[in-house]
Amino acid sequence: MTRTLLGGSPVQRLRLLSRHLAPLSRSSTSPFPTPTTSRSSLLLRRSLASSSAAADSAAAASTTWTFTTSAAFHGKPVSRSRRSGPEGTTTSSTDSDHPSRSRRHSVQQGLAPDHPLCKWRDQHLAEGKAPKEIGAGHDWWFVEGVPSSAAAAGGGTRGVVLGVADGVGGWEDSGVDPSHFAQALMWFARERVRTQDWKWPTEAASKSAERLKDLLDGAFRDVSNEKGIVAGSSTACLALLDAETGMFHAANLGDSGFFILRPKAIESVPVPPSSPASENSTPPPPPPPTPAVTYSVVHAQEPQVHFFNAPRQLSKIPASELERAGGGEGNWLIDRPKDADTFSLQLEDGDVVMLFTDGYSDNVWPSGETDRLLELVRSRVDAAATRPAEEDGGSAGGDDKELAASIAQTAVTFARMIAVRPDVYTPFAAESKRWQVKGMERGGKVDDVTVVVGVVRKE
């Protein structure tokens, strides 16, 4: 996407970011704990990427492709903490971008504390160590490995399914916690994958991607039938990484989305000449590290919107509201799983897949920023590895668990840094210009941010 920067160029932003990237170490002080076994599947290994990142690794032991995944998240600042009341009643706080809201009523909602969804959600939040009063905000995600037919004989996974969802914050005006719908949508999608209540795609690429629409449709029906979720709306992005074929399939509804980035090794890394310095001069700050591997964006998914800041979304409308609308859908934005866009691509060794909510994509450009961000992270990971990237053509340098976790956490950190900058030209500013919205020509968008990363390897 072509754009003209009005201030705060990608190079300047990433130089600032590079100062926040501490060198990685494989010593006992490494921020990456030893992986533990996931309860959901013996084929999934879970590790922690940072103070607010939960990581999963799905390995296909007897197949050609392996995928190492990690998720990082951070809710946006709020003026008062989101808090849970008794018996599942949730009082949502006033968001920082809506300080004028004064009238608010709570709705009896939510699942019982002992519901498996709540336990699963709380486990992710506890593992990620996100600020308790913020958590993931209205976002949620899941990562689930699918056993192969040889799993019983010690085989690996058939692949892995990823998902992200972003609850629509406007429901807070009605006293509904937007996070409940997004969490339930991801939970039910994960359950259908985990219990094999969904047919793994075996058709041609286009039809395989359609199977993800079926998964989304089933999860949406489950949410619609769940009495504990009284109302809500959410975007949704589901992706499948096939460990037998190396194919990537996705279905995306709304303005969450995904990027696919591809590495290329640099044959020789140029060393910039040192500048002469006088005796009393202050040495300039060090430049960002020169990467041994570059990344290019091979696909950036286009968002689906009705109009500015109004994405396509799945919605559960209370019966009382539908009756008030005369049995119709009134002025509600209601889309269906069949409206999702689908996409398929043959992956290559070393590819990086990123799923995200719009808290990332509204603030960070795919080309010029996301690709450079990956290069910076890769350089730091490779510096801590025993085998540098140039030795293997860019296909395996560094540890994939550290790489996936560091990309996810750094992406969330960078998006949050840009979100509060009033002087930058962001995708959100570009979108406001396209829709001729005045007063938003510059600046980021403060929002919840969730990023799920998958590092692809061909064995």
Foldseek 3Di string as FASTA:
>chain_A
DDDDKQDDALQNLVQVLLVVDDFAAPDPPGQKDDWDADPLDNQKTWIEQHLFKTWIFGQWAPAFKGKTKIKGWWFFDFPFFWDADPPRWTQGGHRPVGVPDDDFDADQFDDGCPPPLNVVQVVNQVRNNYPPRGGLQLKDKDKDFACDPCVVVVGGTQWMKIKMKGWDPVCRRHNARRNRLNSQLRVQLRVCRSVVVADQDDDPQVVNLVSVLVSSQRSLVVLLPDVRRQKTKMWMKMWIQGRHQQKIKIWGFFQWWKWKKDKFFDQDFDDDDDDDDDPPDDDDDDRQDGFRIFIDTPDTDDGAAPAQPHTQIAIHDHPVVCVVCVVDPHPDRHDGSVPIDMDMDRDDQFMKMKTKHVLQQQFADVPSNLRVLLRSLLRSQLVNFPDHCSVPRNRCRGDPNNSNSSSNVSSQVSSQVQQADFNIQGNSLVRCVVNVNPPSVGGGHRGIMMMMMMTMHGD
